[in-house]
Amino acid sequence: MPIPTRPRHALAAVLLGASLALAGCAGTGDSGAKEAAADRGAAAPEAARGAEGPASAYSSGAPQAGQGGAKAAPGAVRQHVIRTAELSVEVEDADKALARARDVAAAAGGHVADESTKRHPGGGLTSRISLRVPQAAYEGVLKELAGTGRLLERRADAKDVTDQVVDVESRIATQRASVARVRELMERATRLTDVVELERELSSRQADLESLLAQQASLKDRTSLATITLELSEPEAVEARDDDEPGVLDALRGGWDALLTSLTWFVIVLAALAPWLVLLAAGYAVWRRVLGPWRARRRARGPRRPARPAPNPWPRCRRRAPR
């Protein structure tokens, strides 16, 4: 009796779910990547090619797996160190010392990353320049820059980031293998919903891969080029008078400054009062032209005489005085 077969789409759904589960477990570490690679033999060549990309090229000096049948020994991993230094030097001419620092960095194969110059009130210059030089020329450039003048301060720092570099390389290899598996599943998918889900998963894993590649590039730049910050300062001019007692010239200069300040403020106050003075002058002109002649004509007429009372028709009887 023949065994009934399942529909083709149901079988594809089961295979798709199992593959996604294996791919999710593989993204968490190297052990998951090995198990998924064993289950998906077709993705093994892509993973091998991804592991031999920029991640392996970054750790130059160590033998790579798959070349001559030899595997990389743990002791053959190249050390990666981030070196930084800060120098403070006093020089007679900051411009010449700055030009010499540029020439030293260029001769060593480096470049100028940042530069700034400031002049002090006393007349001296202070320049600050940041140089990026190869690790091989770090000690020589540091010695030459320290000899440009009188060394005031020196600080150097070396940070070992070998573990971080190796971790980023391993995560990049695993992530590339994961991306390759998702792309293989997309080629086999037939349903639209499966394709949409796989595209979303592929976009997320590619974003993680790009982030890891950016971290790798930053580490490569910081470990291949050392950073030296040089501060050049000129000695400040010593003042001729050390005491604070004023002299005759100081008093004359102070009086002249006070006079100029007073005149300046007088002009400012006069300018502020100018609109009011114009208004008062206009009012005075109106008073002189209109009220002045009117008051003059009034004074010319003289005072008015009081009107006489009307005669009383009934005169009062005069009383005779007693004898």
C-alpha atoms as a PDB file:
ATOM      1  CA  MET A   1       0.000   0.000   0.000  1.00  0.00           C
ATOM      2  CA  PRO A   2       1.614   3.356  -0.997  1.00  0.00           C
ATOM      3  CA  ILE A   3       2.390   5.824   1.800  1.00  0.00           C
ATOM      4  CA  PRO A   4       0.452   9.113   1.374  1.00  0.00           C
ATOM      5  CA  THR A   5       2.729  12.075   0.748  1.00  0.00           C
ATOM      6  CA  ARG A   6       2.265  15.550   2.274  1.00  0.00           C
ATOM      7  CA  PRO A   7       1.599  18.572   0.168  1.00  0.00           C
ATOM      8  CA  ARG A   8       4.642  20.236  -1.246  1.00  0.00           C
ATOM      9  CA  HIS A   9       4.000  23.602   0.450  1.00  0.00           C
ATOM     10  CA  ALA A  10       3.636  22.025   3.911  1.00  0.00           C
ATOM     11  CA  LEU A  11       7.005  20.334   3.583  1.00  0.00           C
ATOM     12  CA  ALA A  12       8.584  23.597   2.456  1.00  0.00           C
ATOM     13  CA  ALA A  13       7.123  25.388   5.514  1.00  0.00           C
ATOM     14  CA  VAL A  14       8.591  22.779   7.876  1.00  0.00           C
ATOM     15  CA  LEU A  15      12.014  23.033   6.271  1.00  0.00           C
ATOM     16  CA  LEU A  16      11.875  26.840   6.401  1.00  0.00           C
ATOM     17  CA  GLY A  17      11.035  26.882  10.120  1.00  0.00           C
ATOM     18  CA  ALA A  18      13.834  24.468  10.963  1.00  0.00           C
ATOM     19  CA  SER A  19      16.341  26.473   8.923  1.00  0.00           C
ATOM     20  CA  LEU A  20      15.376  29.776  10.619  1.00  0.00           C
ATOM     21  CA  ALA A  21      15.711  28.163  14.049  1.00  0.00           C
ATOM     22  CA  LEU A  22      19.170  26.896  13.187  1.00  0.00           C
ATOM     23  CA  ALA A  23      20.172  30.285  11.738  1.00  0.00           C
ATOM     24  CA  GLY A  24      19.027  32.135  14.907  1.00  0.00           C
ATOM     25  CA  CYS A  25      21.028  29.837  17.113  1.00  0.00           C
ATOM     26  CA  ALA A  26      24.069  30.241  14.875  1.00  0.00           C
ATOM     27  CA  GLY A  27      24.138  34.052  15.299  1.00  0.00           C
ATOM     28  CA  THR A  28      24.803  33.773  19.052  1.00  0.00           C
ATOM     29  CA  GLY A  29      28.280  32.256  18.876  1.00  0.00           C
ATOM     30  CA  ASP A  30      30.815  30.116  17.085  1.00  0.00           C
ATOM     31  CA  SER A  31      29.363  26.826  18.403  1.00  0.00           C
ATOM     32  CA  GLY A  32      25.940  27.619  16.914  1.00  0.00           C
ATOM     33  CA  ALA A  33      27.611  28.580  13.625  1.00  0.00           C
ATOM     34  CA  LYS A  34      29.359  25.195  13.436  1.00  0.00           C
ATOM     35  CA  GLU A  35      26.133  23.256  14.098  1.00  0.00           C
ATOM     36  CA  ALA A  36      24.207  25.266  11.477  1.00  0.00           C
ATOM     37  CA  ALA A  37      27.041  24.800   8.981  1.00  0.00           C
ATOM     38  CA  ALA A  38      26.913  21.055   9.549  1.00  0.00           C
ATOM     39  CA  ASP A  39      23.137  21.003   8.942  1.00  0.00           C
ATOM     40  CA  ARG A  40      23.352  23.271   5.941  1.00  0.00           C
ATOM     41  CA  GLY A  41      26.304  21.946   3.949  1.00  0.00           C
ATOM     42  CA  ALA A  42      25.594  24.261   1.054  1.00  0.00           C
ATOM     43  CA  ALA A  43      26.316  27.349   3.207  1.00  0.00           C
ATOM     44  CA  ALA A  44      29.774  26.121   4.249  1.00  0.00           C
ATOM     45  CA  PRO A  45      31.597  27.494   1.158  1.00  0.00           C
ATOM     46  CA  GLU A  46      30.044  30.946   1.698  1.00  0.00           C
ATOM     47  CA  ALA A  47      31.085  30.945   5.344  1.00  0.00           C
ATOM     48  CA  ALA A  48      34.622  29.947   4.413  1.00  0.00           C
ATOM     49  CA  ARG A  49      34.817  32.704   1.808  1.00  0.00           C
ATOM     50  CA  GLY A  50      33.441  35.265   4.283  1.00  0.00           C
ATOM     51  CA  ALA A  51      35.975  34.257   6.906  1.00  0.00           C
ATOM     52  CA  GLU A  52      38.788  34.857   4.416  1.00  0.00           C
ATOM     53  CA  GLY A  53      37.650  38.465   3.698  1.00  0.00           C
ATOM     54  CA  PRO A  54      38.742  41.705   5.362  1.00  0.00           C
ATOM     55  CA  ALA A  55      38.521  40.104   8.818  1.00  0.00           C
ATOM     56  CA  SER A  56      41.424  37.758   8.032  1.00  0.00           C
ATOM     57  CA  ALA A  57      43.288  40.417   6.083  1.00  0.00           C
ATOM     58  CA  TYR A  58      43.117  42.722   9.113  1.00  0.00           C
ATOM     59  CA  SER A  59      45.064  40.259  11.290  1.00  0.00           C
ATOM     60  CA  SER A  60      48.021  40.161   8.907  1.00  0.00           C
ATOM     61  CA  GLY A  61      51.078  38.302  10.077  1.00  0.00           C
ATOM     62  CA  ALA A  62      49.099  35.264  11.332  1.00  0.00           C
ATOM     63  CA  PRO A  63      48.712  32.178   9.119  1.00  0.00           C
ATOM     64  CA  GLN A  64      45.186  31.653   7.805  1.00  0.00           C
ATOM     65  CA  ALA A  65      43.166  28.468   7.910  1.00  0.00           C
ATOM     66  CA  GLY A  66      42.680  26.688   4.614  1.00  0.00           C
ATOM     67  CA  GLN A  67      46.002  27.817   3.122  1.00  0.00           C
ATOM     68  CA  GLY A  68      48.388  24.879   2.841  1.00  0.00           C
ATOM     69  CA  GLY A  69      46.250  22.842   5.249  1.00  0.00           C
ATOM     70  CA  ALA A  70      47.753  24.627   8.299  1.00  0.00           C
ATOM     71  CA  LYS A  71      45.635  26.215  11.004  1.00  0.00           C
ATOM     72  CA  ALA A  72      46.463  29.484  12.793  1.00  0.00           C
ATOM     73  CA  ALA A  73      48.254  28.940  16.073  1.00  0.00           C
ATOM     74  CA  PRO A  74      47.036  30.966  19.071  1.00  0.00           C
ATOM     75  CA  GLY A  75      50.500  32.406  19.674  1.00  0.00           C
ATOM     76  CA  ALA A  76      50.718  33.750  16.109  1.00  0.00           C
ATOM     77  CA  VAL A  77      48.039  36.441  16.628  1.00  0.00           C
ATOM     78  CA  ARG A  78      49.515  39.881  16.069  1.00  0.00           C
ATOM     79  CA  GLN A  79      49.260  42.307  18.978  1.00  0.00           C
ATOM     80  CA  HIS A  80      47.150  45.411  18.435  1.00  0.00           C
ATOM     81  CA  VAL A  81      47.961  48.488  20.545  1.00  0.00           C
ATOM     82  CA  ILE A  82      46.512  52.013  20.520  1.00  0.00           C
ATOM     83  CA  ARG A  83      49.289  54.519  21.255  1.00  0.00           C
ATOM     84  CA  THR A  84      48.751  58.160  22.207  1.00  0.00           C
ATOM     85  CA  ALA A  85      51.168  60.807  23.471  1.00  0.00           C
ATOM     86  CA  GLU A  86      51.041  64.456  24.557  1.00  0.00           C
ATOM     87  CA  LEU A  87      54.061  66.783  24.525  1.00  0.00           C
ATOM     88  CA  SER A  88      54.405  70.331  25.835  1.00  0.00           C
ATOM     89  CA  VAL A  89      57.532  72.140  24.586  1.00  0.00           C
ATOM     90  CA  GLU A  90      58.726  75.723  25.035  1.00  0.00           C
ATOM     91  CA  VAL A  91      60.391  77.154  21.898  1.00  0.00           C
ATOM     92  CA  GLU A  92      61.811  80.505  20.799  1.00  0.00           C
ATOM     93  CA  ASP A  93      59.842  80.637  17.528  1.00  0.00           C
ATOM     94  CA  ALA A  94      56.550  78.749  17.459  1.00  0.00           C
ATOM     95  CA  ASP A  95      56.068  79.160  13.696  1.00  0.00           C
ATOM     96  CA  LYS A  96      59.388  77.499  12.856  1.00  0.00           C
ATOM     97  CA  ALA A  97      58.819  74.706  15.363  1.00  0.00           C
ATOM     98  CA  LEU A  98      55.357  74.120  13.917  1.00  0.00           C
ATOM     99  CA  ALA A  99      56.752  73.851  10.388  1.00  0.00           C
ATOM    100  CA  ARG A 100      59.392  71.394  11.607  1.00  0.00           C
ATOM    101  CA  ALA A 101      56.709  69.227  13.279  1.00  0.00           C
ATOM    102  CA  ARG A 102      54.777  69.060  10.000  1.00  0.00           C
ATOM    103  CA  ASP A 103      57.920  68.027   8.115  1.00  0.00           C
ATOM    104  CA  VAL A 104      58.756  65.324  10.673  1.00  0.00           C
ATOM    105  CA  ALA A 105      55.255  63.830  10.433  1.00  0.00           C
ATOM    106  CA  ALA A 106      55.277  63.907   6.627  1.00  0.00           C
ATOM    107  CA  ALA A 107      58.728  62.265   6.480  1.00  0.00           C
ATOM    108  CA  ALA A 108      57.476  59.447   8.719  1.00  0.00           C
ATOM    109  CA  GLY A 109      54.455  58.811   6.489  1.00  0.00           C
ATOM    110  CA  GLY A 110      51.914  60.536   8.739  1.00  0.00           C
ATOM    111  CA  HIS A 111      49.703  63.593   8.455  1.00  0.00           C
ATOM    112  CA  VAL A 112      48.337  66.522  10.462  1.00  0.00           C
ATOM    113  CA  ALA A 113      44.920  65.789  12.001  1.00  0.00           C
ATOM    114  CA  ASP A 114      44.264  69.083  13.809  1.00  0.00           C
ATOM    115  CA  GLU A 115      46.029  72.417  14.340  1.00  0.00           C
ATOM    116  CA  SER A 116      45.317  75.652  16.245  1.00  0.00           C
ATOM    117  CA  THR A 117      47.341  78.793  17.128  1.00  0.00           C
ATOM    118  CA  LYS A 118      46.615  81.492  19.728  1.00  0.00           C
ATOM    119  CA  ARG A 119      48.448  84.735  20.594  1.00  0.00           C
ATOM    120  CA  HIS A 120      48.663  85.869  24.221  1.00  0.00           C
ATOM    121  CA  PRO A 121      48.237  89.496  25.379  1.00  0.00           C
ATOM    122  CA  GLY A 122      51.937  89.550  26.245  1.00  0.00           C
ATOM    123  CA  GLY A 123      52.864  88.850  22.621  1.00  0.00           C
ATOM    124  CA  GLY A 124      53.742  85.129  22.809  1.00  0.00           C
ATOM    125  CA  LEU A 125      52.265  82.414  20.598  1.00  0.00           C
ATOM    126  CA  THR A 126      50.868  79.036  21.613  1.00  0.00           C
ATOM    127  CA  SER A 127      50.295  76.410  18.904  1.00  0.00           C
ATOM    128  CA  ARG A 128      48.669  73.022  19.322  1.00  0.00           C
ATOM    129  CA  ILE A 129      48.967  70.366  16.612  1.00  0.00           C
ATOM    130  CA  SER A 130      47.733  66.759  16.465  1.00  0.00           C
ATOM    131  CA  LEU A 131      49.754  64.317  14.338  1.00  0.00           C
ATOM    132  CA  ARG A 132      48.894  60.796  13.105  1.00  0.00           C
ATOM    133  CA  VAL A 133      52.022  58.728  12.405  1.00  0.00           C
ATOM    134  CA  PRO A 134      52.556  54.990  11.724  1.00  0.00           C
ATOM    135  CA  GLN A 135      53.221  52.757  14.722  1.00  0.00           C
ATOM    136  CA  ALA A 136      56.696  51.861  13.414  1.00  0.00           C
ATOM    137  CA  ALA A 137      57.789  55.517  13.410  1.00  0.00           C
ATOM    138  CA  TYR A 138      56.091  56.435  16.701  1.00  0.00           C
ATOM    139  CA  GLU A 139      59.183  56.403  18.948  1.00  0.00           C
ATOM    140  CA  GLY A 140      61.401  58.248  16.444  1.00  0.00           C
ATOM    141  CA  VAL A 141      58.842  61.009  15.792  1.00  0.00           C
ATOM    142  CA  LEU A 142      58.243  61.408  19.524  1.00  0.00           C
ATOM    143  CA  LYS A 143      61.978  61.834  20.139  1.00  0.00           C
ATOM    144  CA  GLU A 144      62.394  64.405  17.367  1.00  0.00           C
ATOM    145  CA  LEU A 145      59.417  66.477  18.520  1.00  0.00           C
ATOM    146  CA  ALA A 146      60.659  66.493  22.112  1.00  0.00           C
ATOM    147  CA  GLY A 147      63.988  67.932  20.904  1.00  0.00           C
ATOM    148  CA  THR A 148      62.497  71.002  19.219  1.00  0.00           C
ATOM    149  CA  GLY A 149      62.877  73.048  22.428  1.00  0.00           C
ATOM    150  CA  ARG A 150      62.712  72.845  26.212  1.00  0.00           C
ATOM    151  CA  LEU A 151      60.480  69.947  27.200  1.00  0.00           C
ATOM    152  CA  LEU A 152      57.886  70.990  29.785  1.00  0.00           C
ATOM    153  CA  GLU A 153      55.618  67.952  29.969  1.00  0.00           C
ATOM    154  CA  ARG A 154      55.335  64.517  28.360  1.00  0.00           C
ATOM    155  CA  ARG A 155      52.615  61.891  28.671  1.00  0.00           C
ATOM    156  CA  ALA A 156      52.338  58.621  26.744  1.00  0.00           C
ATOM    157  CA  ASP A 157      49.725  55.895  26.833  1.00  0.00           C
ATOM    158  CA  ALA A 158      49.505  52.414  25.239  1.00  0.00           C
ATOM    159  CA  LYS A 159      46.264  50.423  25.308  1.00  0.00           C
ATOM    160  CA  ASP A 160      46.207  46.772  24.213  1.00  0.00           C
ATOM    161  CA  VAL A 161      43.023  46.004  22.232  1.00  0.00           C
ATOM    162  CA  THR A 162      44.023  42.618  20.815  1.00  0.00           C
ATOM    163  CA  ASP A 163      41.109  40.842  22.512  1.00  0.00           C
ATOM    164  CA  GLN A 164      38.666  43.383  21.143  1.00  0.00           C
ATOM    165  CA  VAL A 165      40.057  43.045  17.619  1.00  0.00           C
ATOM    166  CA  VAL A 166      39.879  39.239  17.707  1.00  0.00           C
ATOM    167  CA  ASP A 167      36.331  39.360  19.080  1.00  0.00           C
ATOM    168  CA  VAL A 168      35.179  41.701  16.306  1.00  0.00           C
ATOM    169  CA  GLU A 169      36.805  39.479  13.658  1.00  0.00           C
ATOM    170  CA  SER A 170      35.061  36.384  15.015  1.00  0.00           C
ATOM    171  CA  ARG A 171      31.687  38.138  15.139  1.00  0.00           C
ATOM    172  CA  ILE A 172      32.139  39.360  11.556  1.00  0.00           C
ATOM    173  CA  ALA A 173      32.865  35.842  10.307  1.00  0.00           C
ATOM    174  CA  THR A 174      29.811  34.460  12.131  1.00  0.00           C
ATOM    175  CA  GLN A 175      27.572  37.244  10.893  1.00  0.00           C
ATOM    176  CA  ARG A 176      28.688  36.760   7.293  1.00  0.00           C
ATOM    177  CA  ALA A 177      27.889  33.065   7.504  1.00  0.00           C
ATOM    178  CA  SER A 178      24.468  33.908   8.924  1.00  0.00           C
ATOM    179  CA  VAL A 179      23.774  36.349   6.094  1.00  0.00           C
ATOM    180  CA  ALA A 180      24.810  33.730   3.538  1.00  0.00           C
ATOM    181  CA  ARG A 181      22.388  31.182   5.025  1.00  0.00           C
ATOM    182  CA  VAL A 182      19.481  33.618   4.934  1.00  0.00           C
ATOM    183  CA  ARG A 183      20.210  34.426   1.296  1.00  0.00           C
ATOM    184  CA  GLU A 184      20.222  30.705   0.464  1.00  0.00           C
ATOM    185  CA  LEU A 185      16.846  30.298   2.156  1.00  0.00           C
ATOM    186  CA  MET A 186      15.486  33.223   0.152  1.00  0.00           C
ATOM    187  CA  GLU A 187      16.460  31.476  -3.070  1.00  0.00           C
ATOM    188  CA  ARG A 188      14.522  28.367  -2.001  1.00  0.00           C
ATOM    189  CA  ALA A 189      11.442  30.149  -0.651  1.00  0.00           C
ATOM    190  CA  THR A 190       8.279  29.986  -2.789  1.00  0.00           C
ATOM    191  CA  ARG A 191       5.626  31.671  -0.648  1.00  0.00           C
ATOM    192  CA  LEU A 192       5.359  35.455  -0.493  1.00  0.00           C
ATOM    193  CA  THR A 193       5.064  35.547   3.302  1.00  0.00           C
ATOM    194  CA  ASP A 194       8.261  33.531   3.662  1.00  0.00           C
ATOM    195  CA  VAL A 195      10.101  35.855   1.290  1.00  0.00           C
ATOM    196  CA  VAL A 196       8.960  38.948   3.196  1.00  0.00           C
ATOM    197  CA  GLU A 197      10.036  37.465   6.534  1.00  0.00           C
ATOM    198  CA  LEU A 198      13.403  36.415   5.158  1.00  0.00           C
ATOM    199  CA  GLU A 199      14.015  39.866   3.659  1.00  0.00           C
ATOM    200  CA  ARG A 200      13.328  41.454   7.042  1.00  0.00           C
ATOM    201  CA  GLU A 201      15.733  39.036   8.714  1.00  0.00           C
ATOM    202  CA  LEU A 202      18.367  39.646   6.045  1.00  0.00           C
ATOM    203  CA  SER A 203      18.120  43.423   6.438  1.00  0.00           C
ATOM    204  CA  SER A 204      18.592  43.165  10.217  1.00  0.00           C
ATOM    205  CA  ARG A 205      21.614  40.876   9.920  1.00  0.00           C
ATOM    206  CA  GLN A 206      23.227  43.013   7.240  1.00  0.00           C
ATOM    207  CA  ALA A 207      22.842  46.090   9.476  1.00  0.00           C
ATOM    208  CA  ASP A 208      24.601  44.225  12.304  1.00  0.00           C
ATOM    209  CA  LEU A 209      27.342  43.181   9.889  1.00  0.00           C
ATOM    210  CA  GLU A 210      27.884  46.762   8.715  1.00  0.00           C
ATOM    211  CA  SER A 211      28.125  47.941  12.326  1.00  0.00           C
ATOM    212  CA  LEU A 212      30.789  45.315  13.043  1.00  0.00           C
ATOM    213  CA  LEU A 213      32.704  46.307   9.911  1.00  0.00           C
ATOM    214  CA  ALA A 214      32.659  49.955  11.044  1.00  0.00           C
ATOM    215  CA  GLN A 215      34.065  48.932  14.448  1.00  0.00           C
ATOM    216  CA  GLN A 216      36.766  46.935  12.692  1.00  0.00           C
ATOM    217  CA  ALA A 217      37.720  49.900  10.488  1.00  0.00           C
ATOM    218  CA  SER A 218      37.912  52.203  13.520  1.00  0.00           C
ATOM    219  CA  LEU A 219      40.116  49.763  15.406  1.00  0.00           C
ATOM    220  CA  LYS A 220      42.348  49.331  12.373  1.00  0.00           C
ATOM    221  CA  ASP A 221      42.825  53.090  12.025  1.00  0.00           C
ATOM    222  CA  ARG A 222      43.583  53.607  15.719  1.00  0.00           C
ATOM    223  CA  THR A 223      46.023  50.693  15.944  1.00  0.00           C
ATOM    224  CA  SER A 224      47.844  51.345  12.680  1.00  0.00           C
ATOM    225  CA  LEU A 225      48.395  55.084  13.322  1.00  0.00           C
ATOM    226  CA  ALA A 226      49.533  56.562  16.625  1.00  0.00           C
ATOM    227  CA  THR A 227      48.280  59.976  17.781  1.00  0.00           C
ATOM    228  CA  ILE A 228      50.771  62.593  19.033  1.00  0.00           C
ATOM    229  CA  THR A 229      49.499  65.930  20.364  1.00  0.00           C
ATOM    230  CA  LEU A 230      52.207  68.623  20.466  1.00  0.00           C
ATOM    231  CA  GLU A 231      51.809  71.971  22.231  1.00  0.00           C
ATOM    232  CA  LEU A 232      54.386  74.656  21.362  1.00  0.00           C
ATOM    233  CA  SER A 233      54.571  77.825  23.489  1.00  0.00           C
ATOM    234  CA  GLU A 234      56.820  80.864  23.356  1.00  0.00           C
ATOM    235  CA  PRO A 235      58.183  82.425  26.582  1.00  0.00           C
ATOM    236  CA  GLU A 236      56.162  85.450  27.658  1.00  0.00           C
ATOM    237  CA  ALA A 237      57.894  88.856  27.718  1.00  0.00           C
ATOM    238  CA  VAL A 238      59.005  90.025  31.188  1.00  0.00           C
ATOM    239  CA  GLU A 239      57.557  93.405  32.164  1.00  0.00           C
ATOM    240  CA  ALA A 240      60.059  96.217  32.794  1.00  0.00           C
ATOM    241  CA  ARG A 241      58.360  97.419  36.005  1.00  0.00           C
ATOM    242  CA  ASP A 242      57.729  94.858  38.691  1.00  0.00           C
ATOM    243  CA  ASP A 243      56.277  97.257  41.276  1.00  0.00           C
ATOM    244  CA  ASP A 244      52.718  98.565  41.233  1.00  0.00           C
ATOM    245  CA  GLU A 245      53.574 102.221  42.082  1.00  0.00           C
ATOM    246  CA  PRO A 246      52.299 104.646  39.420  1.00  0.00           C
ATOM    247  CA  GLY A 247      54.683 107.143  37.822  1.00  0.00           C
ATOM    248  CA  VAL A 248      54.308 110.566  36.197  1.00  0.00           C
ATOM    249  CA  LEU A 249      53.672 109.067  32.780  1.00  0.00           C
ATOM    250  CA  ASP A 250      51.108 106.703  34.267  1.00  0.00           C
ATOM    251  CA  ALA A 251      49.300 109.627  35.893  1.00  0.00           C
ATOM    252  CA  LEU A 252      49.384 111.653  32.650  1.00  0.00           C
ATOM    253  CA  ARG A 253      48.116 108.695  30.687  1.00  0.00           C
ATOM    254  CA  GLY A 254      45.367 108.107  33.240  1.00  0.00           C
ATOM    255  CA  GLY A 255      44.277 111.771  33.151  1.00  0.00           C
ATOM    256  CA  TRP A 256      44.166 111.773  29.370  1.00  0.00           C
ATOM    257  CA  ASP A 257      42.102 108.597  29.377  1.00  0.00           C
ATOM    258  CA  ALA A 258      39.717 110.109  31.934  1.00  0.00           C
ATOM    259  CA  LEU A 259      39.317 113.258  29.786  1.00  0.00           C
ATOM    260  CA  LEU A 260      38.558 111.208  26.689  1.00  0.00           C
ATOM    261  CA  THR A 261      36.107 109.096  28.652  1.00  0.00           C
ATOM    262  CA  SER A 262      34.331 112.212  29.997  1.00  0.00           C
ATOM    263  CA  LEU A 263      34.068 113.760  26.526  1.00  0.00           C
ATOM    264  CA  THR A 264      32.745 110.505  25.166  1.00  0.00           C
ATOM    265  CA  TRP A 265      30.047 110.327  27.818  1.00  0.00           C
ATOM    266  CA  PHE A 266      29.169 114.019  27.333  1.00  0.00           C
ATOM    267  CA  VAL A 267      28.626 113.424  23.622  1.00  0.00           C
ATOM    268  CA  ILE A 268      26.541 110.338  24.397  1.00  0.00           C
ATOM    269  CA  VAL A 269      24.326 112.248  26.858  1.00  0.00           C
ATOM    270  CA  LEU A 270      23.975 115.150  24.432  1.00  0.00           C
ATOM    271  CA  ALA A 271      22.941 112.772  21.674  1.00  0.00           C
ATOM    272  CA  ALA A 272      20.366 111.210  23.991  1.00  0.00           C
ATOM    273  CA  LEU A 273      18.913 114.619  24.913  1.00  0.00           C
ATOM    274  CA  ALA A 274      18.917 115.978  21.357  1.00  0.00           C
ATOM    275  CA  PRO A 275      15.254 115.054  20.586  1.00  0.00           C
ATOM    276  CA  TRP A 276      14.068 116.698  23.785  1.00  0.00           C
ATOM    277  CA  LEU A 277      16.108 119.840  23.125  1.00  0.00           C
ATOM    278  CA  VAL A 278      14.626 120.133  19.629  1.00  0.00           C
ATOM    279  CA  LEU A 279      11.099 119.811  21.065  1.00  0.00           C
ATOM    280  CA  LEU A 280      11.787 122.502  23.688  1.00  0.00           C
ATOM    281  CA  ALA A 281      13.259 124.836  21.051  1.00  0.00           C
ATOM    282  CA  ALA A 282      10.153 124.417  18.871  1.00  0.00           C
ATOM    283  CA  GLY A 283       7.892 125.224  21.824  1.00  0.00           C
ATOM    284  CA  TYR A 284       9.893 128.303  22.684  1.00  0.00           C
ATOM    285  CA  ALA A 285       9.724 129.530  19.066  1.00  0.00           C
ATOM    286  CA  VAL A 286       5.944 129.121  19.035  1.00  0.00           C
ATOM    287  CA  TRP A 287       5.654 131.032  22.300  1.00  0.00           C
ATOM    288  CA  ARG A 288       7.768 133.894  20.976  1.00  0.00           C
ATOM    289  CA  ARG A 289       5.894 134.149  17.671  1.00  0.00           C
ATOM    290  CA  VAL A 290       2.311 133.797  18.941  1.00  0.00           C
ATOM    291  CA  LEU A 291       2.048 134.575  22.641  1.00  0.00           C
ATOM    292  CA  GLY A 292       4.680 137.298  22.667  1.00  0.00           C
ATOM    293  CA  PRO A 293       2.939 139.773  20.289  1.00  0.00           C
ATOM    294  CA  TRP A 294      -0.442 139.122  21.876  1.00  0.00           C
ATOM    295  CA  ARG A 295       0.860 139.998  25.330  1.00  0.00           C
ATOM    296  CA  ALA A 296       2.566 143.111  23.932  1.00  0.00           C
ATOM    297  CA  ARG A 297      -0.700 144.387  22.390  1.00  0.00           C
ATOM    298  CA  ARG A 298      -2.523 143.736  25.647  1.00  0.00           C
ATOM    299  CA  ARG A 299      -0.003 145.744  27.628  1.00  0.00           C
ATOM    300  CA  ALA A 300      -0.296 148.640  25.108  1.00  0.00           C
ATOM    301  CA  ARG A 301      -4.048 149.059  25.666  1.00  0.00           C
ATOM    302  CA  GLY A 302      -3.541 149.840  29.307  1.00  0.00           C
ATOM    303  CA  PRO A 303      -5.728 148.919  32.320  1.00  0.00           C
ATOM    304  CA  ARG A 304      -9.481 149.154  31.919  1.00  0.00           C
ATOM    305  CA  ARG A 305     -11.380 151.882  33.933  1.00  0.00           C
ATOM    306  CA  PRO A 306     -14.190 150.664  36.173  1.00  0.00           C
ATOM    307  CA  ALA A 307     -17.706 151.600  34.991  1.00  0.00           C
ATOM    308  CA  ARG A 308     -19.518 154.367  36.912  1.00  0.00           C
ATOM    309  CA  PRO A 309     -22.624 153.314  38.904  1.00  0.00           C
ATOM    310  CA  ALA A 310     -26.009 154.512  37.663  1.00  0.00           C
ATOM    311  CA  PRO A 311     -27.562 157.489  39.563  1.00  0.00           C
ATOM    312  CA  ASN A 312     -29.997 156.578  42.325  1.00  0.00           C
ATOM    313  CA  PRO A 313     -33.448 158.006  41.619  1.00  0.00           C
ATOM    314  CA  TRP A 314     -34.210 157.977  45.284  1.00  0.00           C
ATOM    315  CA  PRO A 315     -31.497 159.879  46.979  1.00  0.00           C
ATOM    316  CA  ARG A 316     -30.968 159.198  50.540  1.00  0.00           C
ATOM    317  CA  CYS A 317     -32.210 161.741  52.994  1.00  0.00           C
ATOM    318  CA  ARG A 318     -29.428 163.535  54.688  1.00  0.00           C
ATOM    319  CA  ARG A 319     -29.680 163.493  58.362  1.00  0.00           C
ATOM    320  CA  ARG A 320     -29.018 166.611  60.164  1.00  0.00           C
ATOM    321  CA  ALA A 321     -26.531 166.566  62.826  1.00  0.00           C
ATOM    322  CA  PRO A 322     -27.870 167.378  66.266  1.00  0.00           C
ATOM    323  CA  ARG A 323     -26.987 170.744  67.571  1.00  0.00           C
END
